[in-house]
Structures are given as structure tokens and as C-alpha cells.
N, C-alpha and C. Protein backbone atom coordinates (compact mmCIF):
# COMPACT_ATOMS: atom_id res chain seq x y z
N MET A 1 -22.69 3.73 14.99
CA MET A 1 -22.85 4.41 16.16
C MET A 1 -23.08 3.34 17.25
N ILE A 2 -22.63 3.96 18.33
CA ILE A 2 -22.30 3.43 19.69
C ILE A 2 -23.24 3.76 20.86
N ASP A 3 -23.87 3.15 21.33
CA ASP A 3 -24.79 3.62 22.61
C ASP A 3 -23.84 3.47 23.87
N VAL A 4 -23.64 4.52 24.63
CA VAL A 4 -22.82 4.55 25.85
C VAL A 4 -23.75 5.02 27.03
N ARG A 5 -23.47 3.91 28.14
CA ARG A 5 -24.38 4.24 29.25
C ARG A 5 -23.18 4.22 30.51
N PRO A 6 -22.94 5.49 31.32
CA PRO A 6 -22.14 5.56 32.41
C PRO A 6 -22.91 4.61 33.36
N LEU A 7 -21.99 4.02 34.18
CA LEU A 7 -22.46 3.17 35.26
C LEU A 7 -22.53 4.27 36.52
N ALA A 8 -22.70 3.57 37.69
CA ALA A 8 -22.39 4.24 39.04
C ALA A 8 -21.28 4.86 39.14
N ILE A 9 -20.24 4.56 38.82
CA ILE A 9 -18.83 5.06 38.53
C ILE A 9 -18.68 5.40 37.26
N ALA A 10 -18.75 6.72 36.96
CA ALA A 10 -18.97 7.18 35.46
C ALA A 10 -17.95 6.83 34.81
N ASP A 11 -16.71 6.76 35.19
CA ASP A 11 -15.55 6.49 34.14
C ASP A 11 -15.68 4.92 33.77
N VAL A 12 -16.57 3.90 34.44
CA VAL A 12 -16.80 2.66 33.79
C VAL A 12 -18.16 2.83 33.02
N LYS A 13 -17.95 2.40 31.74
CA LYS A 13 -19.02 2.69 30.74
C LYS A 13 -19.66 1.19 30.22
N LEU A 14 -20.71 1.04 29.79
CA LEU A 14 -21.29 0.26 29.38
C LEU A 14 -21.77 0.46 27.85
N VAL A 15 -20.89 -0.09 26.90
CA VAL A 15 -20.89 0.41 25.69
C VAL A 15 -21.61 -0.62 24.70
N THR A 16 -22.48 -0.38 23.90
CA THR A 16 -23.24 -1.19 22.94
C THR A 16 -23.11 -0.69 21.75
N PRO A 17 -22.32 -1.34 20.62
CA PRO A 17 -22.23 -1.15 19.29
C PRO A 17 -23.27 -1.50 18.70
N ARG A 18 -23.69 -0.74 17.42
CA ARG A 18 -24.92 -1.03 16.51
C ARG A 18 -24.70 -2.44 16.13
N ARG A 19 -25.77 -3.29 15.91
CA ARG A 19 -26.06 -4.60 15.67
C ARG A 19 -27.22 -4.58 14.47
N PHE A 20 -26.40 -5.08 13.29
CA PHE A 20 -27.33 -5.22 12.02
C PHE A 20 -27.79 -6.61 12.05
N ALA A 21 -28.89 -7.13 12.19
CA ALA A 21 -29.52 -8.25 12.10
C ALA A 21 -30.39 -8.85 11.01
N ASP A 22 -30.32 -9.78 10.61
CA ASP A 22 -31.23 -10.30 9.47
C ASP A 22 -31.52 -11.84 9.63
N ALA A 23 -32.17 -12.42 8.59
CA ALA A 23 -32.56 -13.99 8.54
C ALA A 23 -31.26 -14.71 8.84
N ARG A 24 -30.27 -14.22 8.30
CA ARG A 24 -28.95 -15.19 8.59
C ARG A 24 -28.28 -14.93 9.99
N GLY A 25 -28.42 -14.01 10.77
CA GLY A 25 -27.84 -13.65 11.71
C GLY A 25 -27.79 -12.37 12.22
N HIS A 26 -26.38 -11.93 12.57
CA HIS A 26 -25.96 -10.38 12.73
C HIS A 26 -24.57 -10.27 12.38
N PHE A 27 -24.44 -8.82 12.37
CA PHE A 27 -22.87 -8.24 12.02
C PHE A 27 -22.95 -6.98 12.97
N THR A 28 -21.62 -6.89 13.69
CA THR A 28 -21.58 -5.97 14.58
C THR A 28 -20.02 -5.42 14.18
N GLU A 29 -19.82 -4.07 14.43
CA GLU A 29 -18.50 -3.77 14.50
C GLU A 29 -18.25 -3.51 16.01
N THR A 30 -17.27 -4.36 16.58
CA THR A 30 -17.01 -4.50 17.84
C THR A 30 -16.17 -3.46 18.41
N TRP A 31 -15.25 -3.07 17.56
CA TRP A 31 -14.61 -1.89 17.87
C TRP A 31 -14.17 -1.15 16.24
N ASN A 32 -14.44 0.16 16.69
CA ASN A 32 -14.27 1.26 15.67
C ASN A 32 -13.77 2.59 16.47
N LYS A 33 -12.53 2.94 16.08
CA LYS A 33 -11.85 4.16 16.38
C LYS A 33 -12.86 5.52 16.30
N LYS A 34 -13.05 5.51 15.12
CA LYS A 34 -13.88 6.83 14.89
C LYS A 34 -15.20 6.86 15.55
N ALA A 35 -15.80 5.41 15.34
CA ALA A 35 -17.29 5.65 16.36
C ALA A 35 -17.06 5.83 17.89
N TRP A 36 -15.78 5.11 18.40
CA TRP A 36 -15.59 5.33 19.72
C TRP A 36 -15.46 6.90 20.02
N ALA A 37 -14.34 7.45 19.26
CA ALA A 37 -14.26 8.98 19.57
C ALA A 37 -15.56 9.70 19.28
N ALA A 38 -16.51 9.60 18.31
CA ALA A 38 -17.64 10.18 18.03
C ALA A 38 -18.72 10.08 19.17
N ALA A 39 -18.39 8.91 20.05
CA ALA A 39 -19.28 8.84 21.14
C ALA A 39 -18.76 9.23 22.33
N GLY A 40 -17.80 10.15 22.21
CA GLY A 40 -17.22 10.73 23.47
C GLY A 40 -16.53 10.09 24.57
N LEU A 41 -16.06 8.89 23.89
CA LEU A 41 -15.07 7.89 24.74
C LEU A 41 -13.81 8.30 24.69
N PRO A 42 -13.14 7.87 25.84
CA PRO A 42 -11.63 8.25 25.84
C PRO A 42 -10.72 7.54 24.64
N ASP A 43 -9.70 8.45 24.22
CA ASP A 43 -8.69 7.66 23.33
C ASP A 43 -7.89 6.71 24.10
N VAL A 44 -8.12 5.50 23.30
CA VAL A 44 -7.40 4.46 24.03
C VAL A 44 -6.70 3.64 22.69
N ALA A 45 -5.49 3.39 22.79
CA ALA A 45 -4.66 2.70 21.74
C ALA A 45 -4.66 1.10 22.40
N PHE A 46 -5.43 0.30 21.96
CA PHE A 46 -5.58 -0.95 22.31
C PHE A 46 -4.30 -1.49 21.83
N ALA A 47 -3.54 -2.68 22.46
CA ALA A 47 -2.37 -3.23 22.21
C ALA A 47 -2.52 -4.75 22.18
N GLN A 48 -3.57 -5.34 22.66
CA GLN A 48 -3.67 -6.64 22.91
C GLN A 48 -5.05 -7.24 23.04
N ASP A 49 -5.36 -8.47 22.24
CA ASP A 49 -6.76 -8.89 22.41
C ASP A 49 -6.40 -9.97 23.31
N ASN A 50 -7.58 -10.51 24.18
CA ASN A 50 -7.39 -11.68 25.08
C ASN A 50 -8.94 -12.37 24.89
N GLN A 51 -8.85 -13.65 25.36
CA GLN A 51 -9.78 -14.58 25.24
C GLN A 51 -9.80 -15.44 26.52
N SER A 52 -10.89 -15.98 27.07
CA SER A 52 -10.93 -16.71 28.11
C SER A 52 -12.18 -17.60 27.81
N LEU A 53 -11.90 -18.92 28.10
CA LEU A 53 -12.99 -20.03 28.04
C LEU A 53 -13.25 -20.42 29.42
N SER A 54 -14.17 -20.18 29.93
CA SER A 54 -14.48 -20.96 31.42
C SER A 54 -15.56 -22.07 31.24
N THR A 55 -15.11 -23.52 31.11
CA THR A 55 -16.20 -24.15 31.12
C THR A 55 -17.51 -24.63 32.08
N GLN A 56 -17.15 -24.06 33.46
CA GLN A 56 -18.02 -24.29 34.34
C GLN A 56 -18.82 -22.89 34.82
N THR A 57 -20.15 -23.11 35.12
CA THR A 57 -20.90 -21.92 35.78
C THR A 57 -20.27 -21.75 37.01
N GLY A 58 -20.31 -20.27 37.42
CA GLY A 58 -19.38 -20.23 38.88
C GLY A 58 -17.73 -19.91 38.75
N THR A 59 -17.47 -19.75 37.59
CA THR A 59 -15.83 -19.60 37.62
C THR A 59 -15.68 -18.37 37.89
N ILE A 60 -14.83 -17.83 38.85
CA ILE A 60 -14.44 -16.74 39.09
C ILE A 60 -12.78 -16.34 38.51
N ARG A 61 -12.70 -15.59 37.64
CA ARG A 61 -11.72 -14.81 37.16
C ARG A 61 -11.44 -13.48 37.62
N GLY A 62 -10.45 -13.07 38.81
CA GLY A 62 -9.98 -11.88 39.28
C GLY A 62 -10.26 -11.94 40.73
N LEU A 63 -10.41 -10.67 41.17
CA LEU A 63 -10.18 -9.35 40.65
C LEU A 63 -8.99 -8.72 39.97
N HIS A 64 -8.44 -8.59 39.22
CA HIS A 64 -6.93 -8.39 38.54
C HIS A 64 -6.75 -7.03 38.33
N PHE A 65 -5.57 -6.51 38.11
CA PHE A 65 -5.16 -5.45 37.69
C PHE A 65 -3.67 -5.34 37.33
N GLN A 66 -3.20 -4.31 36.67
CA GLN A 66 -1.83 -4.35 36.16
C GLN A 66 -1.15 -2.96 36.94
N LYS A 67 0.10 -2.99 37.66
CA LYS A 67 0.33 -1.62 38.25
C LYS A 67 1.02 -1.10 37.21
N PRO A 68 1.02 0.44 37.33
CA PRO A 68 1.60 1.36 36.49
C PRO A 68 3.49 0.81 36.34
N PRO A 69 3.94 0.79 35.42
CA PRO A 69 3.58 1.76 34.15
C PRO A 69 3.02 0.76 33.38
N HIS A 70 2.54 -0.43 33.47
CA HIS A 70 1.51 -1.23 32.56
C HIS A 70 0.25 -1.20 33.17
N ALA A 71 -0.20 -0.26 33.57
CA ALA A 71 -1.69 -0.59 33.82
C ALA A 71 -2.43 -0.60 32.68
N GLN A 72 -3.63 -1.08 32.85
CA GLN A 72 -4.45 -1.55 31.51
C GLN A 72 -5.77 -1.07 31.86
N ALA A 73 -6.53 -0.58 30.38
CA ALA A 73 -7.87 -0.20 30.18
C ALA A 73 -8.15 -1.44 29.47
N LYS A 74 -9.52 -1.61 29.84
CA LYS A 74 -10.12 -2.99 29.26
C LYS A 74 -11.24 -2.64 28.51
N LEU A 75 -11.65 -3.33 27.54
CA LEU A 75 -13.22 -3.47 26.94
C LEU A 75 -13.41 -4.77 26.65
N VAL A 76 -14.27 -5.32 27.62
CA VAL A 76 -14.79 -6.52 28.03
C VAL A 76 -16.19 -6.94 27.05
N SER A 77 -16.16 -8.11 26.43
CA SER A 77 -17.39 -8.40 25.91
C SER A 77 -17.56 -10.04 25.92
N VAL A 78 -18.72 -10.55 25.84
CA VAL A 78 -18.93 -12.00 25.89
C VAL A 78 -19.30 -12.64 24.52
N LEU A 79 -18.49 -13.19 23.87
CA LEU A 79 -18.80 -14.10 22.61
C LEU A 79 -19.71 -15.29 22.70
N LYS A 80 -19.83 -16.07 23.84
CA LYS A 80 -20.73 -17.22 24.20
C LYS A 80 -20.79 -17.18 25.61
N GLY A 81 -22.14 -17.33 26.24
CA GLY A 81 -22.12 -17.38 27.51
C GLY A 81 -22.77 -16.25 27.94
N ARG A 82 -22.60 -16.07 29.41
CA ARG A 82 -23.12 -14.83 30.06
C ARG A 82 -22.19 -14.83 31.24
N ILE A 83 -21.87 -13.51 31.85
CA ILE A 83 -20.94 -13.38 32.74
C ILE A 83 -21.89 -12.00 33.80
N PHE A 84 -21.49 -12.04 35.03
CA PHE A 84 -21.50 -10.79 35.96
C PHE A 84 -19.97 -10.37 36.10
N ASP A 85 -20.00 -9.11 35.46
CA ASP A 85 -18.84 -8.28 35.45
C ASP A 85 -18.74 -7.35 36.35
N VAL A 86 -17.48 -6.94 36.99
CA VAL A 86 -17.24 -6.38 38.20
C VAL A 86 -15.95 -5.23 37.99
N ALA A 87 -16.21 -4.08 38.18
CA ALA A 87 -14.80 -3.35 38.14
C ALA A 87 -15.03 -2.59 39.55
N VAL A 88 -13.75 -2.53 40.06
CA VAL A 88 -13.22 -1.77 41.51
C VAL A 88 -12.34 -0.90 41.40
N ASP A 89 -13.05 0.16 42.10
CA ASP A 89 -12.17 1.56 41.80
C ASP A 89 -10.80 1.80 42.52
N LEU A 90 -9.59 1.62 42.28
CA LEU A 90 -8.28 1.51 43.46
C LEU A 90 -7.78 2.88 43.00
N ARG A 91 -8.28 4.05 42.40
CA ARG A 91 -7.83 5.07 42.39
C ARG A 91 -7.74 5.91 43.92
N LYS A 92 -6.44 5.83 44.46
CA LYS A 92 -6.40 6.59 45.92
C LYS A 92 -7.44 7.87 45.80
N ALA A 93 -7.21 8.72 44.97
CA ALA A 93 -7.63 9.98 45.27
C ALA A 93 -9.36 10.18 44.54
N SER A 94 -9.84 9.02 44.21
CA SER A 94 -11.16 9.09 43.71
C SER A 94 -12.18 9.02 44.95
N PRO A 95 -13.24 9.74 44.64
CA PRO A 95 -14.34 9.74 45.71
C PRO A 95 -14.94 8.50 45.89
N THR A 96 -14.95 7.41 44.81
CA THR A 96 -15.37 6.23 44.75
C THR A 96 -14.15 5.03 44.86
N PHE A 97 -13.07 5.41 45.59
CA PHE A 97 -12.27 4.31 46.10
C PHE A 97 -12.74 3.21 46.91
N GLY A 98 -12.54 2.29 46.35
CA GLY A 98 -13.03 0.83 47.03
C GLY A 98 -14.29 0.42 46.81
N ARG A 99 -14.97 1.26 45.86
CA ARG A 99 -16.22 0.82 45.34
C ARG A 99 -16.48 0.03 44.13
N HIS A 100 -17.55 -0.32 43.71
CA HIS A 100 -17.65 -1.24 42.61
C HIS A 100 -18.81 -0.82 41.90
N VAL A 101 -18.72 -1.49 40.60
CA VAL A 101 -20.05 -1.46 39.56
C VAL A 101 -19.87 -2.73 39.12
N THR A 102 -21.15 -2.99 38.86
CA THR A 102 -21.29 -4.49 38.07
C THR A 102 -22.18 -4.40 36.85
N ALA A 103 -21.90 -5.25 35.88
CA ALA A 103 -23.09 -5.35 34.67
C ALA A 103 -22.99 -6.59 34.11
N GLU A 104 -23.89 -7.13 33.83
CA GLU A 104 -24.34 -8.50 33.24
C GLU A 104 -23.92 -8.36 31.88
N LEU A 105 -23.27 -9.34 31.27
CA LEU A 105 -22.90 -9.20 29.69
C LEU A 105 -23.20 -10.42 29.18
N ASP A 106 -23.57 -10.54 28.08
CA ASP A 106 -23.87 -11.72 27.51
C ASP A 106 -23.74 -11.58 25.93
N GLU A 107 -24.38 -12.30 24.92
CA GLU A 107 -23.86 -12.35 23.71
C GLU A 107 -24.80 -11.25 22.78
N SER A 108 -25.51 -10.51 23.48
CA SER A 108 -26.17 -9.27 22.96
C SER A 108 -25.17 -8.22 22.52
N GLY A 109 -23.90 -8.11 22.75
CA GLY A 109 -23.28 -7.27 21.97
C GLY A 109 -22.66 -6.20 23.12
N ALA A 110 -23.36 -6.00 24.14
CA ALA A 110 -22.74 -5.07 25.02
C ALA A 110 -21.40 -5.45 25.45
N GLN A 111 -20.68 -4.28 25.67
CA GLN A 111 -19.20 -4.38 26.31
C GLN A 111 -19.01 -3.39 27.54
N LEU A 112 -18.20 -3.89 28.45
CA LEU A 112 -17.91 -2.86 29.52
C LEU A 112 -16.45 -2.56 29.39
N PHE A 113 -16.35 -1.03 29.32
CA PHE A 113 -15.25 -0.36 29.29
C PHE A 113 -14.54 -0.23 30.68
N VAL A 114 -13.53 -0.80 31.16
CA VAL A 114 -12.84 -0.38 32.56
C VAL A 114 -11.56 0.11 32.44
N PRO A 115 -11.56 1.59 32.88
CA PRO A 115 -10.38 2.01 32.27
C PRO A 115 -9.12 1.76 33.30
N ALA A 116 -7.91 2.12 33.16
CA ALA A 116 -6.95 1.96 34.27
C ALA A 116 -7.28 2.57 35.69
N GLY A 117 -6.78 1.67 36.46
CA GLY A 117 -6.88 2.31 37.86
C GLY A 117 -8.04 1.49 38.55
N PHE A 118 -8.55 0.53 37.85
CA PHE A 118 -9.53 -0.44 38.47
C PHE A 118 -9.22 -1.70 38.37
N ALA A 119 -9.62 -2.45 39.38
CA ALA A 119 -9.34 -3.88 39.32
C ALA A 119 -10.89 -4.51 38.63
N HIS A 120 -10.29 -5.72 37.99
CA HIS A 120 -11.49 -6.29 37.16
C HIS A 120 -11.69 -7.84 37.32
N GLY A 121 -12.64 -8.14 37.40
CA GLY A 121 -12.95 -9.66 37.54
C GLY A 121 -14.54 -9.97 37.04
N PHE A 122 -14.59 -11.35 36.87
CA PHE A 122 -16.24 -11.51 36.60
C PHE A 122 -16.27 -13.17 36.99
N CYS A 123 -17.65 -13.53 37.12
CA CYS A 123 -18.07 -14.47 37.19
C CYS A 123 -19.00 -15.21 36.31
N THR A 124 -18.73 -16.44 35.49
CA THR A 124 -19.58 -17.10 34.55
C THR A 124 -20.98 -17.61 35.13
N LEU A 125 -22.06 -17.10 34.36
CA LEU A 125 -23.24 -17.50 34.70
C LEU A 125 -23.74 -18.48 33.79
N ALA A 126 -22.92 -19.13 32.93
CA ALA A 126 -23.60 -20.12 31.79
C ALA A 126 -22.21 -20.97 31.58
N PRO A 127 -22.49 -22.20 31.42
CA PRO A 127 -21.28 -23.12 31.08
C PRO A 127 -20.56 -22.57 29.60
N ASP A 128 -19.34 -22.85 29.49
CA ASP A 128 -18.50 -22.92 28.29
C ASP A 128 -18.52 -21.26 27.88
N THR A 129 -18.56 -20.35 28.74
CA THR A 129 -18.64 -19.17 28.46
C THR A 129 -17.30 -18.52 27.98
N LEU A 130 -17.22 -17.65 26.77
CA LEU A 130 -16.11 -17.22 26.18
C LEU A 130 -16.07 -15.88 26.12
N VAL A 131 -15.15 -15.38 26.88
CA VAL A 131 -14.80 -13.76 27.06
C VAL A 131 -13.65 -13.28 26.08
N ALA A 132 -14.01 -12.35 25.66
CA ALA A 132 -13.15 -11.36 24.82
C ALA A 132 -12.76 -10.12 25.11
N TYR A 133 -11.54 -9.58 25.51
CA TYR A 133 -11.24 -8.23 25.89
C TYR A 133 -10.04 -7.81 25.44
N LYS A 134 -10.24 -6.43 25.19
CA LYS A 134 -9.10 -5.70 24.27
C LYS A 134 -8.27 -5.01 25.57
N VAL A 135 -7.28 -5.09 25.48
CA VAL A 135 -6.53 -4.32 26.63
C VAL A 135 -5.49 -2.96 25.95
N ASP A 136 -5.09 -2.09 26.47
CA ASP A 136 -4.14 -0.95 25.92
C ASP A 136 -2.67 -1.00 26.61
N ALA A 137 -2.46 -2.11 27.06
CA ALA A 137 -0.89 -2.38 27.45
C ALA A 137 -0.69 -3.72 27.43
N HIS A 138 0.33 -4.19 27.17
CA HIS A 138 0.77 -5.70 27.15
C HIS A 138 0.92 -6.30 28.42
N TYR A 139 0.49 -7.62 28.48
CA TYR A 139 0.65 -8.26 29.89
C TYR A 139 2.04 -8.02 30.29
N ALA A 140 2.60 -7.79 31.32
CA ALA A 140 3.58 -7.72 32.07
C ALA A 140 3.49 -8.38 33.44
N PRO A 141 4.35 -9.44 33.31
CA PRO A 141 4.05 -10.36 34.71
C PRO A 141 4.49 -9.51 35.73
N GLU A 142 5.49 -8.76 35.92
CA GLU A 142 6.12 -8.06 37.23
C GLU A 142 5.12 -6.89 37.70
N SER A 143 4.17 -6.51 36.74
CA SER A 143 2.99 -5.66 37.08
C SER A 143 1.83 -6.16 37.73
N ASP A 144 1.68 -7.68 37.14
CA ASP A 144 0.27 -8.44 37.82
C ASP A 144 0.27 -8.38 39.19
N ALA A 145 -1.09 -7.80 39.42
CA ALA A 145 -1.63 -8.07 41.04
C ALA A 145 -3.22 -8.01 40.84
N GLY A 146 -3.72 -8.01 42.07
CA GLY A 146 -5.03 -8.26 42.27
C GLY A 146 -5.53 -8.17 43.72
N ILE A 147 -6.89 -8.33 43.96
CA ILE A 147 -7.45 -8.33 45.25
C ILE A 147 -8.37 -9.75 45.28
N PHE A 148 -8.71 -10.04 46.57
CA PHE A 148 -9.70 -11.38 46.67
C PHE A 148 -10.58 -11.05 46.19
N TRP A 149 -11.52 -11.62 45.25
CA TRP A 149 -12.78 -11.42 44.67
C TRP A 149 -14.09 -11.40 46.02
N ALA A 150 -13.81 -12.08 46.86
CA ALA A 150 -14.81 -12.27 47.73
C ALA A 150 -14.79 -11.25 49.22
N ASP A 151 -13.69 -10.33 49.11
CA ASP A 151 -13.30 -9.53 50.32
C ASP A 151 -14.45 -8.82 50.93
N GLU A 152 -14.71 -9.22 51.88
CA GLU A 152 -16.07 -8.67 52.80
C GLU A 152 -16.14 -7.37 52.63
N ALA A 153 -15.01 -6.10 52.80
CA ALA A 153 -15.14 -5.01 52.56
C ALA A 153 -15.52 -4.66 51.52
N LEU A 154 -15.37 -5.39 50.49
CA LEU A 154 -15.93 -4.73 49.04
C LEU A 154 -17.38 -4.92 48.94
N ALA A 155 -17.94 -5.91 49.45
CA ALA A 155 -19.47 -5.88 49.63
C ALA A 155 -19.98 -6.13 48.23
N ILE A 156 -19.49 -6.98 47.38
CA ILE A 156 -19.88 -7.61 46.03
C ILE A 156 -20.72 -8.68 46.37
N ALA A 157 -22.32 -8.46 45.77
CA ALA A 157 -23.21 -9.46 45.58
C ALA A 157 -23.03 -10.37 44.56
N TRP A 158 -21.85 -11.26 44.78
CA TRP A 158 -21.40 -12.20 43.64
C TRP A 158 -22.65 -13.19 43.41
N PRO A 159 -22.96 -13.72 42.05
CA PRO A 159 -24.05 -14.69 42.15
C PRO A 159 -23.66 -16.08 42.40
N VAL A 160 -22.55 -16.46 43.28
CA VAL A 160 -22.21 -17.68 43.39
C VAL A 160 -21.60 -17.62 44.89
N ALA A 161 -21.97 -18.80 45.71
CA ALA A 161 -21.57 -18.94 47.16
C ALA A 161 -20.13 -19.31 47.20
N PRO A 162 -19.11 -18.64 47.91
CA PRO A 162 -18.21 -18.75 48.06
C PRO A 162 -17.47 -20.28 47.95
N ASP A 163 -18.27 -21.09 48.39
CA ASP A 163 -18.00 -22.57 48.77
C ASP A 163 -18.18 -23.13 47.14
N ARG A 164 -18.84 -22.57 46.33
CA ARG A 164 -19.39 -23.29 44.90
C ARG A 164 -18.42 -22.69 43.59
N ALA A 165 -17.61 -21.56 44.08
CA ALA A 165 -16.92 -20.82 43.38
C ALA A 165 -15.65 -21.69 42.70
N GLN A 166 -15.55 -21.69 41.66
CA GLN A 166 -14.38 -22.18 40.61
C GLN A 166 -13.41 -21.14 40.63
N LEU A 167 -12.24 -21.58 41.21
CA LEU A 167 -11.11 -20.42 41.16
C LEU A 167 -9.77 -21.09 41.05
N SER A 168 -8.73 -20.19 40.39
CA SER A 168 -7.66 -20.57 40.31
C SER A 168 -6.84 -20.65 41.66
N PRO A 169 -5.86 -21.20 41.84
CA PRO A 169 -4.78 -21.24 43.10
C PRO A 169 -4.60 -19.60 43.25
N LYS A 170 -4.22 -18.89 42.00
CA LYS A 170 -3.59 -17.63 42.27
C LYS A 170 -4.63 -16.98 42.89
N ASP A 171 -5.99 -16.80 42.16
CA ASP A 171 -6.88 -16.04 42.62
C ASP A 171 -7.47 -16.20 44.14
N ALA A 172 -7.51 -17.34 44.51
CA ALA A 172 -7.72 -17.70 45.75
C ALA A 172 -6.82 -17.51 46.93
N ALA A 173 -5.87 -16.90 46.36
CA ALA A 173 -4.60 -16.66 47.42
C ALA A 173 -4.40 -15.00 47.14
N LEU A 174 -5.31 -14.18 46.47
CA LEU A 174 -4.98 -12.77 46.32
C LEU A 174 -5.40 -12.00 47.76
N PRO A 175 -4.53 -10.81 48.02
CA PRO A 175 -4.74 -10.42 48.98
C PRO A 175 -6.07 -9.59 49.19
N ARG A 176 -6.58 -9.02 50.50
CA ARG A 176 -7.55 -8.22 50.55
C ARG A 176 -7.29 -6.80 50.36
N LEU A 177 -8.41 -5.70 49.85
CA LEU A 177 -8.08 -4.61 49.66
C LEU A 177 -7.23 -3.87 50.82
N LYS A 178 -7.46 -3.98 51.91
CA LYS A 178 -6.82 -3.52 53.03
C LYS A 178 -5.52 -3.90 53.22
N ASP A 179 -4.93 -5.10 52.51
CA ASP A 179 -3.58 -5.49 52.64
C ASP A 179 -2.76 -4.96 51.34
N ILE A 180 -3.24 -4.16 50.38
CA ILE A 180 -2.56 -3.70 49.22
C ILE A 180 -2.46 -2.05 49.48
N VAL A 181 -1.14 -1.54 48.96
CA VAL A 181 -1.16 0.00 48.69
C VAL A 181 -1.54 0.22 47.35
N SER A 182 -2.52 0.85 47.18
CA SER A 182 -2.91 0.86 45.56
C SER A 182 -1.88 1.72 44.83
N PRO A 183 -1.53 1.30 43.79
CA PRO A 183 -0.38 2.05 42.72
C PRO A 183 -1.13 3.29 42.25
N PHE A 184 -2.40 3.52 42.14
CA PHE A 184 -3.18 4.55 41.43
C PHE A 184 -3.45 5.74 42.33
């Protein structure tokens, strides 16, 4: 059984698989195709699993996306630590184009489903945060793209000040939304 909660942009979902707990700890099926379909979620053929470890609180990863034909849907979960997770709608025909949704994820088992057509990123809220995510298309460097995490036009209330954020050089140099042509 999966609990599914649509966010303010309905195509982005907070998905919480059932967790079985006892004195030893817990067990969760983090992905089950039959349960996913029974919950009314879109048919997704995941192709690759990824993990990232961020040692410092305030690490920003994103906002990333892959252009078609290698666009990716993602199912994001936190194995250790806590994140502020963000999805930005880049679908030109969408009434929510340029808007975002956020969710805080931790070790509780909740996951964020981000469909293709969205930029995705997160900020770590704890040291040594380990994030796992499934994607439905393989990484394609020629399709790799992104938008600047602190773009004022996005009005994302990140939990870290810009001068305290830990960024890769690549993420620090990403363009603003107004400076890209959305491929979606």
C-alpha cells in the first residue's frame, strides 16, 4: 500500500510507501510496480538508480533537468539526513510554468515523484545526508541542463542564505529561467 499526496502542482506527488516496524527496526518496499499502479501513479519504467552524499548542511544540488529525448522523471528519497526538495515546472503549456513546489524529506520513507518537464534540486538540512533517486532515463551529458537555484524570479524560500550555500562550480554558473528556452 502506498499513500499518495499531490502537491500544489498536482503532477508532483509525495509518495509514502507502507513501513513495517518492530523492535529490530523497519522494512519498506521503496518501489513496487504493482503497488505504484494500484495507487494510480503514472507508469514509469525506471532505468537507473543514483545516490548522492552531501557532507555539509546547506549543500545545494540543482536545479537540474535533462532535455528531451532524455528527459527524466525522478523518485527521490532520503536514506540518511534531511533535505528541502524542490521541483520547478518547465512545461511551457502548463498553467504552472515557472512555479515550484517543495517538500521536506527525511528518513521517514516519504518520497517525491518529479515527472519529466521539471527542474529538480535540493538543499541538505543535516550533515552527511544521503539521497537516493530513481530515474526513468539514463544520464545523457549532451542533454544535461539546469537553472540557477537562487533565481529571484522563482521566489523559492530556500533554507540557506546564498552566501552560506555549498555549491558546485557547475551549479553556481547555471542560467536564470528567463535566459533559457524550455524544451518541454
